[in-house]
């Protein structure tokens, strides 16, 4: 089971960015700029600490979320997608005239038991 997945269109953008920038990471915080939009950075350009939770990997890129933000999203399945438009962040897709976004749905009972009940 996966907590986070990616659309084919977004995966293609990630492959382009990996070819240009090398190893990458996704991070979704609850901060400024694009709010809770997922941002992609060169690995090492984003400082991660114990408050960042690894949710999984999409297209070979680790996807992290800040712990405070995770409290709001822990009962959801996330799908990374991409759309035309310029986001207000430092994410690597911005110069392409694109921005990543999240589609979410509530976890099924089975998924919720798998991801969340073991923590309680």
PDB file of N, CA and C in Angstrom:
ATOM      1  N   UNK A   1       0.828  -1.189   0.000  1.00  0.00           N
ATOM      2  CA  UNK A   1       0.000   0.000   0.000  1.00  0.00           C
ATOM      3  C   UNK A   1       0.869   1.247   0.000  1.00  0.00           C
ATOM      4  N   UNK A   2       0.377   2.254  -0.697  1.00  0.00           N
ATOM      5  CA  UNK A   2       1.108   3.516  -0.761  1.00  0.00           C
ATOM      6  C   UNK A   2       0.240   4.644  -0.226  1.00  0.00           C
ATOM      7  N   UNK A   3       0.858   5.553   0.464  1.00  0.00           N
ATOM      8  CA  UNK A   3       0.175   6.731   0.990  1.00  0.00           C
ATOM      9  C   UNK A   3       0.193   7.874  -0.021  1.00  0.00           C
ATOM     10  N   UNK A   4       1.189   7.867  -0.901  1.00  0.00           N
ATOM     11  CA  UNK A   4       1.330   8.929  -1.892  1.00  0.00           C
ATOM     12  C   UNK A   4       1.673   8.309  -3.247  1.00  0.00           C
ATOM     13  N   UNK A   5       1.017   8.821  -4.292  1.00  0.00           N
ATOM     14  CA  UNK A   5       1.269   8.358  -5.661  1.00  0.00           C
ATOM     15  C   UNK A   5       1.415   9.572  -6.565  1.00  0.00           C
ATOM     16  N   UNK A   6       1.602   9.329  -7.862  1.00  0.00           N
ATOM     17  CA  UNK A   6       1.833  10.425  -8.805  1.00  0.00           C
ATOM     18  C   UNK A   6       1.140  10.107 -10.121  1.00  0.00           C
ATOM     19  N   UNK A   7       0.622  11.133 -10.775  1.00  0.00           N
ATOM     20  CA  UNK A   7      -0.003  10.942 -12.084  1.00  0.00           C
ATOM     21  C   UNK A   7       1.088  10.766 -13.139  1.00  0.00           C
ATOM     22  N   UNK A   8       0.711  10.216 -14.276  1.00  0.00           N
ATOM     23  CA  UNK A   8       1.669  10.041 -15.369  1.00  0.00           C
ATOM     24  C   UNK A   8       2.231  11.382 -15.836  1.00  0.00           C
ATOM     25  N   UNK A   9       1.370  12.375 -15.938  1.00  0.00           N
ATOM     26  CA  UNK A   9       1.794  13.704 -16.391  1.00  0.00           C
ATOM     27  C   UNK A   9       2.816  14.317 -15.420  1.00  0.00           C
ATOM     28  N   UNK A  10       2.546  14.203 -14.136  1.00  0.00           N
ATOM     29  CA  UNK A  10       3.479  14.737 -13.133  1.00  0.00           C
ATOM     30  C   UNK A  10       4.779  13.925 -13.122  1.00  0.00           C
ATOM     31  N   UNK A  11       4.679  12.617 -13.320  1.00  0.00           N
ATOM     32  CA  UNK A  11       5.877  11.767 -13.355  1.00  0.00           C
ATOM     33  C   UNK A  11       6.793  12.177 -14.501  1.00  0.00           C
ATOM     34  N   UNK A  12       6.213  12.547 -15.638  1.00  0.00           N
ATOM     35  CA  UNK A  12       7.014  12.993 -16.777  1.00  0.00           C
ATOM     36  C   UNK A  12       7.775  14.272 -16.422  1.00  0.00           C
ATOM     37  N   UNK A  13       7.136  15.189 -15.729  1.00  0.00           N
ATOM     38  CA  UNK A  13       7.801  16.426 -15.308  1.00  0.00           C
ATOM     39  C   UNK A  13       8.932  16.103 -14.334  1.00  0.00           C
ATOM     40  N   UNK A  14       8.684  15.182 -13.425  1.00  0.00           N
ATOM     41  CA  UNK A  14       9.728  14.785 -12.466  1.00  0.00           C
ATOM     42  C   UNK A  14      10.925  14.188 -13.217  1.00  0.00           C
ATOM     43  N   UNK A  15      10.674  13.361 -14.214  1.00  0.00           N
ATOM     44  CA  UNK A  15      11.778  12.782 -14.994  1.00  0.00           C
ATOM     45  C   UNK A  15      12.596  13.878 -15.679  1.00  0.00           C
ATOM     46  N   UNK A  16      11.915  14.887 -16.233  1.00  0.00           N
ATOM     47  CA  UNK A  16      12.613  16.026 -16.859  1.00  0.00           C
ATOM     48  C   UNK A  16      13.484  16.737 -15.831  1.00  0.00           C
ATOM     49  N   UNK A  17      12.931  16.980 -14.666  1.00  0.00           N
ATOM     50  CA  UNK A  17      13.665  17.708 -13.623  1.00  0.00           C
ATOM     51  C   UNK A  17      14.845  16.892 -13.105  1.00  0.00           C
ATOM     52  N   UNK A  18      14.665  15.586 -12.986  1.00  0.00           N
ATOM     53  CA  UNK A  18      15.769  14.721 -12.551  1.00  0.00           C
ATOM     54  C   UNK A  18      16.894  14.737 -13.571  1.00  0.00           C
ATOM     55  N   UNK A  19      16.542  14.739 -14.856  1.00  0.00           N
ATOM     56  CA  UNK A  19      17.561  14.764 -15.911  1.00  0.00           C
ATOM     57  C   UNK A  19      18.370  16.060 -15.850  1.00  0.00           C
ATOM     58  N   UNK A  20      17.737  17.130 -15.487  1.00  0.00           N
ATOM     59  CA  UNK A  20      18.406  18.427 -15.430  1.00  0.00           C
ATOM     60  C   UNK A  20      19.126  18.675 -14.107  1.00  0.00           C
ATOM     61  N   UNK A  21      18.511  18.254 -12.983  1.00  0.00           N
ATOM     62  CA  UNK A  21      19.008  18.637 -11.660  1.00  0.00           C
ATOM     63  C   UNK A  21      19.591  17.490 -10.838  1.00  0.00           C
ATOM     64  N   UNK A  22      19.434  16.258 -11.263  1.00  0.00           N
ATOM     65  CA  UNK A  22      19.939  15.132 -10.473  1.00  0.00           C
ATOM     66  C   UNK A  22      18.938  14.690  -9.413  1.00  0.00           C
ATOM     67  N   UNK A  23      19.431  14.246  -8.265  1.00  0.00           N
ATOM     68  CA  UNK A  23      18.566  13.733  -7.195  1.00  0.00           C
ATOM     69  C   UNK A  23      17.691  14.841  -6.633  1.00  0.00           C
ATOM     70  N   UNK A  24      16.422  14.484  -6.385  1.00  0.00           N
ATOM     71  CA  UNK A  24      15.433  15.458  -5.937  1.00  0.00           C
ATOM     72  C   UNK A  24      14.684  14.956  -4.712  1.00  0.00           C
ATOM     73  N   UNK A  25      13.987  15.878  -4.041  1.00  0.00           N
ATOM     74  CA  UNK A  25      13.044  15.516  -2.982  1.00  0.00           C
ATOM     75  C   UNK A  25      11.788  16.370  -3.138  1.00  0.00           C
ATOM     76  N   UNK A  26      10.656  15.790  -2.771  1.00  0.00           N
ATOM     77  CA  UNK A  26       9.410  16.536  -2.627  1.00  0.00           C
ATOM     78  C   UNK A  26       9.255  16.893  -1.159  1.00  0.00           C
ATOM     79  N   UNK A  27       8.720  18.076  -0.901  1.00  0.00           N
ATOM     80  CA  UNK A  27       8.388  18.464   0.465  1.00  0.00           C
ATOM     81  C   UNK A  27       7.084  19.236   0.446  1.00  0.00           C
ATOM     82  N   UNK A  28       6.204  18.875   1.357  1.00  0.00           N
ATOM     83  CA  UNK A  28       4.956  19.605   1.500  1.00  0.00           C
ATOM     84  C   UNK A  28       4.875  20.121   2.922  1.00  0.00           C
ATOM     85  N   UNK A  29       4.873  21.427   3.055  1.00  0.00           N
ATOM     86  CA  UNK A  29       4.772  22.037   4.380  1.00  0.00           C
ATOM     87  C   UNK A  29       3.458  22.786   4.451  1.00  0.00           C
ATOM     88  N   UNK A  30       3.207  23.399   5.548  1.00  0.00           N
ATOM     89  CA  UNK A  30       2.005  24.218   5.688  1.00  0.00           C
ATOM     90  C   UNK A  30       2.386  25.680   5.687  1.00  0.00           C
ATOM     91  N   UNK A  31       3.491  25.996   5.062  1.00  0.00           N
ATOM     92  CA  UNK A  31       4.042  27.339   5.158  1.00  0.00           C
ATOM     93  C   UNK A  31       3.480  28.327   4.173  1.00  0.00           C
ATOM     94  N   UNK A  32       4.276  29.320   3.887  1.00  0.00           N
ATOM     95  CA  UNK A  32       3.863  30.427   3.031  1.00  0.00           C
ATOM     96  C   UNK A  32       3.899  30.018   1.562  1.00  0.00           C
ATOM     97  N   UNK A  33       4.031  30.957   0.711  1.00  0.00           N
ATOM     98  CA  UNK A  33       4.124  30.744  -0.736  1.00  0.00           C
ATOM     99  C   UNK A  33       2.887  30.034  -1.246  1.00  0.00           C
ATOM    100  N   UNK A  34       3.010  28.809  -1.679  1.00  0.00           N
ATOM    101  CA  UNK A  34       1.872  28.076  -2.221  1.00  0.00           C
ATOM    102  C   UNK A  34       1.137  27.287  -1.140  1.00  0.00           C
ATOM    103  N   UNK A  35       1.266  27.705   0.094  1.00  0.00           N
ATOM    104  CA  UNK A  35       0.534  27.043   1.172  1.00  0.00           C
ATOM    105  C   UNK A  35       0.944  25.608   1.339  1.00  0.00           C
ATOM    106  N   UNK A  36       0.039  24.694   1.044  1.00  0.00           N
ATOM    107  CA  UNK A  36       0.350  23.283   1.236  1.00  0.00           C
ATOM    108  C   UNK A  36       0.622  22.568  -0.080  1.00  0.00           C
ATOM    109  N   UNK A  37       1.054  23.289  -1.093  1.00  0.00           N
ATOM    110  CA  UNK A  37       1.405  22.657  -2.362  1.00  0.00           C
ATOM    111  C   UNK A  37       2.715  21.890  -2.224  1.00  0.00           C
ATOM    112  N   UNK A  38       2.834  20.743  -2.900  1.00  0.00           N
ATOM    113  CA  UNK A  38       4.104  20.023  -2.860  1.00  0.00           C
ATOM    114  C   UNK A  38       5.153  20.773  -3.675  1.00  0.00           C
ATOM    115  N   UNK A  39       6.333  20.849  -3.143  1.00  0.00           N
ATOM    116  CA  UNK A  39       7.436  21.512  -3.839  1.00  0.00           C
ATOM    117  C   UNK A  39       8.549  20.499  -4.045  1.00  0.00           C
ATOM    118  N   UNK A  40       9.276  20.658  -5.141  1.00  0.00           N
ATOM    119  CA  UNK A  40      10.360  19.746  -5.469  1.00  0.00           C
ATOM    120  C   UNK A  40      11.662  20.539  -5.508  1.00  0.00           C
ATOM    121  N   UNK A  41      12.679  19.976  -4.854  1.00  0.00           N
ATOM    122  CA  UNK A  41      13.972  20.642  -4.732  1.00  0.00           C
ATOM    123  C   UNK A  41      15.089  19.666  -5.065  1.00  0.00           C
ATOM    124  N   UNK A  42      16.253  20.211  -5.381  1.00  0.00           N
ATOM    125  CA  UNK A  42      17.426  19.357  -5.488  1.00  0.00           C
ATOM    126  C   UNK A  42      17.699  18.796  -4.102  1.00  0.00           C
ATOM    127  N   UNK A  43      18.057  17.516  -4.051  1.00  0.00           N
ATOM    128  CA  UNK A  43      18.357  16.891  -2.765  1.00  0.00           C
ATOM    129  C   UNK A  43      19.505  17.664  -2.124  1.00  0.00           C
ATOM    130  N   UNK A  44      19.337  18.051  -0.885  1.00  0.00           N
ATOM    131  CA  UNK A  44      20.349  18.830  -0.190  1.00  0.00           C
ATOM    132  C   UNK A  44      20.014  20.312  -0.135  1.00  0.00           C
ATOM    133  N   UNK A  45      19.097  20.779  -0.995  1.00  0.00           N
ATOM    134  CA  UNK A  45      18.691  22.188  -0.964  1.00  0.00           C
ATOM    135  C   UNK A  45      17.595  22.449   0.056  1.00  0.00           C
ATOM    136  N   UNK A  46      16.977  21.403   0.546  1.00  0.00           N
ATOM    137  CA  UNK A  46      15.906  21.534   1.537  1.00  0.00           C
ATOM    138  C   UNK A  46      16.386  20.885   2.820  1.00  0.00           C
ATOM    139  N   UNK A  47      16.437  21.677   3.885  1.00  0.00           N
ATOM    140  CA  UNK A  47      16.863  21.155   5.174  1.00  0.00           C
ATOM    141  C   UNK A  47      15.731  20.337   5.786  1.00  0.00           C
ATOM    142  N   UNK A  48      15.986  19.072   6.044  1.00  0.00           N
ATOM    143  CA  UNK A  48      15.027  18.198   6.697  1.00  0.00           C
ATOM    144  C   UNK A  48      15.476  17.952   8.121  1.00  0.00           C
ATOM    145  N   UNK A  49      14.517  17.855   9.045  1.00  0.00           N
ATOM    146  CA  UNK A  49      14.862  17.526  10.427  1.00  0.00           C
ATOM    147  C   UNK A  49      13.851  16.516  10.964  1.00  0.00           C
ATOM    148  N   UNK A  50      13.877  16.295  12.270  1.00  0.00           N
ATOM    149  CA  UNK A  50      13.021  15.269  12.865  1.00  0.00           C
ATOM    150  C   UNK A  50      11.536  15.603  12.755  1.00  0.00           C
ATOM    151  N   UNK A  51      11.190  16.835  12.386  1.00  0.00           N
ATOM    152  CA  UNK A  51       9.777  17.188  12.229  1.00  0.00           C
ATOM    153  C   UNK A  51       9.242  16.864  10.836  1.00  0.00           C
ATOM    154  N   UNK A  52      10.096  16.352   9.957  1.00  0.00           N
ATOM    155  CA  UNK A  52       9.671  15.975   8.610  1.00  0.00           C
ATOM    156  C   UNK A  52       9.467  14.469   8.535  1.00  0.00           C
ATOM    157  N   UNK A  53       8.335  14.079   7.974  1.00  0.00           N
ATOM    158  CA  UNK A  53       7.951  12.673   7.905  1.00  0.00           C
ATOM    159  C   UNK A  53       8.028  12.198   6.454  1.00  0.00           C
ATOM    160  N   UNK A  54       8.690  11.081   6.238  1.00  0.00           N
ATOM    161  CA  UNK A  54       8.760  10.480   4.911  1.00  0.00           C
ATOM    162  C   UNK A  54       7.471   9.705   4.671  1.00  0.00           C
ATOM    163  N   UNK A  55       6.698  10.130   3.668  1.00  0.00           N
ATOM    164  CA  UNK A  55       5.430   9.465   3.360  1.00  0.00           C
ATOM    165  C   UNK A  55       5.577   8.371   2.320  1.00  0.00           C
ATOM    166  N   UNK A  56       6.655   8.428   1.562  1.00  0.00           N
ATOM    167  CA  UNK A  56       6.860   7.433   0.519  1.00  0.00           C
ATOM    168  C   UNK A  56       7.732   7.998  -0.570  1.00  0.00           C
ATOM    169  N   UNK A  57       7.675   7.345  -1.708  1.00  0.00           N
ATOM    170  CA  UNK A  57       8.499   7.729  -2.850  1.00  0.00           C
ATOM    171  C   UNK A  57       7.623   7.720  -4.096  1.00  0.00           C
ATOM    172  N   UNK A  58       7.787   8.749  -4.930  1.00  0.00           N
ATOM    173  CA  UNK A  58       7.093   8.809  -6.210  1.00  0.00           C
ATOM    174  C   UNK A  58       8.115   9.079  -7.293  1.00  0.00           C
ATOM    175  N   UNK A  59       8.092   8.266  -8.317  1.00  0.00           N
ATOM    176  CA  UNK A  59       9.025   8.405  -9.449  1.00  0.00           C
ATOM    177  C   UNK A  59      10.475   8.490  -8.962  1.00  0.00           C
ATOM    178  N   UNK A  60      10.795   7.697  -7.922  1.00  0.00           N
ATOM    179  CA  UNK A  60      12.157   7.660  -7.394  1.00  0.00           C
ATOM    180  C   UNK A  60      12.536   8.869  -6.558  1.00  0.00           C
ATOM    181  N   UNK A  61      11.548   9.677  -6.157  1.00  0.00           N
ATOM    182  CA  UNK A  61      11.800  10.886  -5.373  1.00  0.00           C
ATOM    183  C   UNK A  61      11.086  10.749  -4.024  1.00  0.00           C
ATOM    184  N   UNK A  62      11.829  10.891  -2.943  1.00  0.00           N
ATOM    185  CA  UNK A  62      11.237  10.814  -1.609  1.00  0.00           C
ATOM    186  C   UNK A  62      10.278  11.980  -1.396  1.00  0.00           C
ATOM    187  N   UNK A  63       9.144  11.688  -0.757  1.00  0.00           N
ATOM    188  CA  UNK A  63       8.114  12.692  -0.497  1.00  0.00           C
ATOM    189  C   UNK A  63       7.988  12.876   1.012  1.00  0.00           C
ATOM    190  N   UNK A  64       8.307  14.083   1.476  1.00  0.00           N
ATOM    191  CA  UNK A  64       8.270  14.416   2.897  1.00  0.00           C
ATOM    192  C   UNK A  64       7.171  15.421   3.187  1.00  0.00           C
ATOM    193  N   UNK A  65       6.675  15.373   4.404  1.00  0.00           N
ATOM    194  CA  UNK A  65       5.693  16.350   4.864  1.00  0.00           C
ATOM    195  C   UNK A  65       6.054  16.732   6.295  1.00  0.00           C
ATOM    196  N   UNK A  66       5.895  18.014   6.601  1.00  0.00           N
ATOM    197  CA  UNK A  66       6.146  18.478   7.966  1.00  0.00           C
ATOM    198  C   UNK A  66       5.140  17.822   8.908  1.00  0.00           C
ATOM    199  N   UNK A  67       5.588  17.473  10.091  1.00  0.00           N
ATOM    200  CA  UNK A  67       4.767  16.764  11.063  1.00  0.00           C
ATOM    201  C   UNK A  67       3.475  17.510  11.393  1.00  0.00           C
ATOM    202  N   UNK A  68       3.540  18.827  11.536  1.00  0.00           N
ATOM    203  CA  UNK A  68       2.333  19.605  11.835  1.00  0.00           C
ATOM    204  C   UNK A  68       1.315  19.478  10.712  1.00  0.00           C
ATOM    205  N   UNK A  69       1.787  19.556   9.476  1.00  0.00           N
ATOM    206  CA  UNK A  69       0.913  19.407   8.315  1.00  0.00           C
ATOM    207  C   UNK A  69       0.369  17.986   8.246  1.00  0.00           C
ATOM    208  N   UNK A  70       1.215  17.012   8.571  1.00  0.00           N
ATOM    209  CA  UNK A  70       0.813  15.611   8.518  1.00  0.00           C
ATOM    210  C   UNK A  70      -0.378  15.334   9.424  1.00  0.00           C
ATOM    211  N   UNK A  71      -0.473  16.002  10.557  1.00  0.00           N
ATOM    212  CA  UNK A  71      -1.600  15.801  11.469  1.00  0.00           C
ATOM    213  C   UNK A  71      -2.933  16.072  10.766  1.00  0.00           C
ATOM    214  N   UNK A  72      -2.950  17.011   9.840  1.00  0.00           N
ATOM    215  CA  UNK A  72      -4.164  17.314   9.081  1.00  0.00           C
ATOM    216  C   UNK A  72      -4.408  16.320   7.953  1.00  0.00           C
ATOM    217  N   UNK A  73      -3.337  15.727   7.425  1.00  0.00           N
ATOM    218  CA  UNK A  73      -3.429  14.898   6.228  1.00  0.00           C
ATOM    219  C   UNK A  73      -3.293  13.403   6.503  1.00  0.00           C
ATOM    220  N   UNK A  74      -3.116  12.976   7.735  1.00  0.00           N
ATOM    221  CA  UNK A  74      -2.773  11.580   7.998  1.00  0.00           C
ATOM    222  C   UNK A  74      -3.869  10.585   7.641  1.00  0.00           C
ATOM    223  N   UNK A  75      -5.084  11.058   7.438  1.00  0.00           N
ATOM    224  CA  UNK A  75      -6.172  10.160   7.064  1.00  0.00           C
ATOM    225  C   UNK A  75      -6.502  10.263   5.573  1.00  0.00           C
ATOM    226  N   UNK A  76      -5.539  10.786   4.797  1.00  0.00           N
ATOM    227  CA  UNK A  76      -5.772  10.945   3.362  1.00  0.00           C
ATOM    228  C   UNK A  76      -4.705  10.241   2.529  1.00  0.00           C
ATOM    229  N   UNK A  77      -5.126   9.845   1.339  1.00  0.00           N
ATOM    230  CA  UNK A  77      -4.212   9.340   0.318  1.00  0.00           C
ATOM    231  C   UNK A  77      -3.932  10.513  -0.601  1.00  0.00           C
ATOM    232  N   UNK A  78      -2.676  10.728  -0.946  1.00  0.00           N
ATOM    233  CA  UNK A  78      -2.276  11.870  -1.758  1.00  0.00           C
ATOM    234  C   UNK A  78      -1.826  11.429  -3.140  1.00  0.00           C
ATOM    235  N   UNK A  79      -2.206  12.195  -4.143  1.00  0.00           N
ATOM    236  CA  UNK A  79      -1.726  11.971  -5.505  1.00  0.00           C
ATOM    237  C   UNK A  79      -1.132  13.276  -6.003  1.00  0.00           C
ATOM    238  N   UNK A  80       0.158  13.239  -6.358  1.00  0.00           N
ATOM    239  CA  UNK A  80       0.847  14.404  -6.901  1.00  0.00           C
ATOM    240  C   UNK A  80       0.444  14.545  -8.366  1.00  0.00           C
ATOM    241  N   UNK A  81       0.018  15.746  -8.727  1.00  0.00           N
ATOM    242  CA  UNK A  81      -0.341  16.041 -10.106  1.00  0.00           C
ATOM    243  C   UNK A  81       0.352  17.345 -10.488  1.00  0.00           C
ATOM    244  N   UNK A  82       0.190  17.751 -11.725  1.00  0.00           N
ATOM    245  CA  UNK A  82       0.802  18.982 -12.206  1.00  0.00           C
ATOM    246  C   UNK A  82      -0.229  19.718 -13.053  1.00  0.00           C
ATOM    247  N   UNK A  83      -0.155  21.033 -13.035  1.00  0.00           N
ATOM    248  CA  UNK A  83      -1.061  21.843 -13.827  1.00  0.00           C
ATOM    249  C   UNK A  83      -0.306  23.036 -14.388  1.00  0.00           C
ATOM    250  N   UNK A  84      -0.856  23.619 -15.434  1.00  0.00           N
ATOM    251  CA  UNK A  84      -0.244  24.823 -15.971  1.00  0.00           C
ATOM    252  C   UNK A  84      -0.515  25.974 -15.018  1.00  0.00           C
ATOM    253  N   UNK A  85       0.410  26.883 -14.983  1.00  0.00           N
ATOM    254  CA  UNK A  85       0.276  28.034 -14.099  1.00  0.00           C
ATOM    255  C   UNK A  85       1.520  28.185 -13.270  1.00  0.00           C
ATOM    256  N   UNK A  86       1.717  29.365 -12.801  1.00  0.00           N
ATOM    257  CA  UNK A  86       2.922  29.654 -12.038  1.00  0.00           C
ATOM    258  C   UNK A  86       2.596  29.690 -10.561  1.00  0.00           C
ATOM    259  N   UNK A  87       3.235  28.832  -9.806  1.00  0.00           N
ATOM    260  CA  UNK A  87       3.084  28.849  -8.373  1.00  0.00           C
ATOM    261  C   UNK A  87       3.975  29.931  -7.767  1.00  0.00           C
ATOM    262  N   UNK A  88       3.765  30.202  -6.505  1.00  0.00           N
ATOM    263  CA  UNK A  88       4.532  31.243  -5.821  1.00  0.00           C
ATOM    264  C   UNK A  88       5.536  30.605  -4.869  1.00  0.00           C
ATOM    265  N   UNK A  89       6.391  29.773  -5.420  1.00  0.00           N
ATOM    266  CA  UNK A  89       7.366  29.090  -4.571  1.00  0.00           C
ATOM    267  C   UNK A  89       8.696  28.987  -5.299  1.00  0.00           C
ATOM    268  N   UNK A  90       9.632  28.301  -4.661  1.00  0.00           N
ATOM    269  CA  UNK A  90      10.957  28.100  -5.244  1.00  0.00           C
ATOM    270  C   UNK A  90      11.083  26.706  -5.848  1.00  0.00           C
ATOM    271  N   UNK A  91       9.971  26.045  -6.052  1.00  0.00           N
ATOM    272  CA  UNK A  91       9.959  24.694  -6.582  1.00  0.00           C
ATOM    273  C   UNK A  91      10.506  24.673  -8.011  1.00  0.00           C
ATOM    274  N   UNK A  92      11.210  23.607  -8.361  1.00  0.00           N
ATOM    275  CA  UNK A  92      11.940  23.529  -9.630  1.00  0.00           C
ATOM    276  C   UNK A  92      11.064  23.521 -10.884  1.00  0.00           C
ATOM    277  N   UNK A  93       9.785  23.181 -10.773  1.00  0.00           N
ATOM    278  CA  UNK A  93       8.927  23.150 -11.953  1.00  0.00           C
ATOM    279  C   UNK A  93       8.421  24.539 -12.356  1.00  0.00           C
ATOM    280  N   UNK A  94       8.540  25.520 -11.490  1.00  0.00           N
ATOM    281  CA  UNK A  94       7.999  26.860 -11.725  1.00  0.00           C
ATOM    282  C   UNK A  94       8.508  27.475 -13.040  1.00  0.00           C
ATOM    283  N   UNK A  95       9.819  27.421 -13.351  1.00  0.00           N
ATOM    284  CA  UNK A  95      10.280  28.006 -14.618  1.00  0.00           C
ATOM    285  C   UNK A  95       9.687  27.340 -15.870  1.00  0.00           C
ATOM    286  N   UNK A  96       9.109  26.150 -15.722  1.00  0.00           N
ATOM    287  CA  UNK A  96       8.476  25.459 -16.846  1.00  0.00           C
ATOM    288  C   UNK A  96       7.044  25.954 -17.078  1.00  0.00           C
ATOM    289  N   UNK A  97       6.586  26.893 -16.229  1.00  0.00           N
ATOM    290  CA  UNK A  97       5.209  27.372 -16.336  1.00  0.00           C
ATOM    291  C   UNK A  97       4.212  26.382 -15.771  1.00  0.00           C
ATOM    292  N   UNK A  98       4.682  25.535 -14.861  1.00  0.00           N
ATOM    293  CA  UNK A  98       3.871  24.486 -14.250  1.00  0.00           C
ATOM    294  C   UNK A  98       3.957  24.597 -12.738  1.00  0.00           C
ATOM    295  N   UNK A  99       3.020  23.920 -12.081  1.00  0.00           N
ATOM    296  CA  UNK A  99       3.129  23.784 -10.632  1.00  0.00           C
ATOM    297  C   UNK A  99       2.518  22.457 -10.212  1.00  0.00           C
ATOM    298  N   UNK A 100       3.144  21.850  -9.231  1.00  0.00           N
ATOM    299  CA  UNK A 100       2.618  20.608  -8.683  1.00  0.00           C
ATOM    300  C   UNK A 100       1.461  20.936  -7.751  1.00  0.00           C
ATOM    301  N   UNK A 101       0.532  20.006  -7.646  1.00  0.00           N
ATOM    302  CA  UNK A 101      -0.576  20.131  -6.714  1.00  0.00           C
ATOM    303  C   UNK A 101      -0.932  18.749  -6.206  1.00  0.00           C
ATOM    304  N   UNK A 102      -1.767  18.717  -5.184  1.00  0.00           N
ATOM    305  CA  UNK A 102      -2.159  17.453  -4.560  1.00  0.00           C
ATOM    306  C   UNK A 102      -3.653  17.225  -4.759  1.00  0.00           C
ATOM    307  N   UNK A 103      -3.999  16.014  -5.164  1.00  0.00           N
ATOM    308  CA  UNK A 103      -5.377  15.539  -5.112  1.00  0.00           C
ATOM    309  C   UNK A 103      -5.413  14.603  -3.907  1.00  0.00           C
ATOM    310  N   UNK A 104      -6.430  14.717  -3.089  1.00  0.00           N
ATOM    311  CA  UNK A 104      -6.491  13.861  -1.913  1.00  0.00           C
ATOM    312  C   UNK A 104      -7.859  13.197  -1.808  1.00  0.00           C
ATOM    313  N   UNK A 105      -7.854  12.075  -1.138  1.00  0.00           N
ATOM    314  CA  UNK A 105      -9.088  11.370  -0.810  1.00  0.00           C
ATOM    315  C   UNK A 105      -8.881  10.732   0.553  1.00  0.00           C
ATOM    316  N   UNK A 106      -9.969  10.488   1.252  1.00  0.00           N
ATOM    317  CA  UNK A 106      -9.851   9.811   2.538  1.00  0.00           C
ATOM    318  C   UNK A 106      -9.336   8.395   2.330  1.00  0.00           C
ATOM    319  N   UNK A 107      -8.534   7.939   3.264  1.00  0.00           N
ATOM    320  CA  UNK A 107      -8.061   6.556   3.222  1.00  0.00           C
ATOM    321  C   UNK A 107      -9.245   5.604   3.378  1.00  0.00           C
ATOM    322  N   UNK A 108      -9.155   4.459   2.738  1.00  0.00           N
ATOM    323  CA  UNK A 108     -10.148   3.417   2.973  1.00  0.00           C
ATOM    324  C   UNK A 108      -9.939   2.896   4.393  1.00  0.00           C
ATOM    325  N   UNK A 109     -10.895   2.123   4.893  1.00  0.00           N
ATOM    326  CA  UNK A 109     -10.740   1.537   6.233  1.00  0.00           C
ATOM    327  C   UNK A 109      -9.482   0.683   6.303  1.00  0.00           C
ATOM    328  N   UNK A 110      -9.246  -0.085   5.245  1.00  0.00           N
ATOM    329  CA  UNK A 110      -8.062  -0.950   5.198  1.00  0.00           C
ATOM    330  C   UNK A 110      -6.778  -0.118   5.219  1.00  0.00           C
ATOM    331  N   UNK A 111      -6.729   0.936   4.395  1.00  0.00           N
ATOM    332  CA  UNK A 111      -5.548   1.805   4.359  1.00  0.00           C
ATOM    333  C   UNK A 111      -5.344   2.504   5.696  1.00  0.00           C
ATOM    334  N   UNK A 112      -6.433   2.991   6.280  1.00  0.00           N
ATOM    335  CA  UNK A 112      -6.331   3.682   7.566  1.00  0.00           C
ATOM    336  C   UNK A 112      -5.787   2.751   8.648  1.00  0.00           C
ATOM    337  N   UNK A 113      -6.267   1.526   8.656  1.00  0.00           N
ATOM    338  CA  UNK A 113      -5.763   0.549   9.630  1.00  0.00           C
ATOM    339  C   UNK A 113      -4.281   0.286   9.398  1.00  0.00           C
ATOM    340  N   UNK A 114      -3.894   0.176   8.152  1.00  0.00           N
ATOM    341  CA  UNK A 114      -2.494  -0.099   7.816  1.00  0.00           C
ATOM    342  C   UNK A 114      -1.570   1.066   8.206  1.00  0.00           C
ATOM    343  N   UNK A 115      -1.973   2.281   7.859  1.00  0.00           N
ATOM    344  CA  UNK A 115      -1.091   3.433   8.078  1.00  0.00           C
ATOM    345  C   UNK A 115      -1.190   4.057   9.457  1.00  0.00           C
ATOM    346  N   UNK A 116      -2.358   4.035  10.063  1.00  0.00           N
ATOM    347  CA  UNK A 116      -2.555   4.825  11.275  1.00  0.00           C
ATOM    348  C   UNK A 116      -2.786   4.019  12.537  1.00  0.00           C
ATOM    349  N   UNK A 117      -3.394   2.862  12.464  1.00  0.00           N
ATOM    350  CA  UNK A 117      -3.693   2.112  13.681  1.00  0.00           C
ATOM    351  C   UNK A 117      -2.444   1.557  14.339  1.00  0.00           C
ATOM    352  N   UNK A 118      -1.419   1.263  13.545  1.00  0.00           N
ATOM    353  CA  UNK A 118      -0.197   0.715  14.120  1.00  0.00           C
ATOM    354  C   UNK A 118       0.546   1.760  14.954  1.00  0.00           C
ATOM    355  N   UNK A 119       0.216   3.056  14.738  1.00  0.00           N
ATOM    356  CA  UNK A 119       0.877   4.139  15.469  1.00  0.00           C
ATOM    357  C   UNK A 119       0.173   4.418  16.801  1.00  0.00           C
ATOM    358  N   UNK A 120      -1.024   3.911  16.964  1.00  0.00           N
ATOM    359  CA  UNK A 120      -1.795   4.257  18.165  1.00  0.00           C
ATOM    360  C   UNK A 120      -1.683   3.216  19.230  1.00  0.00           C
TER     361      UNK A 120
END
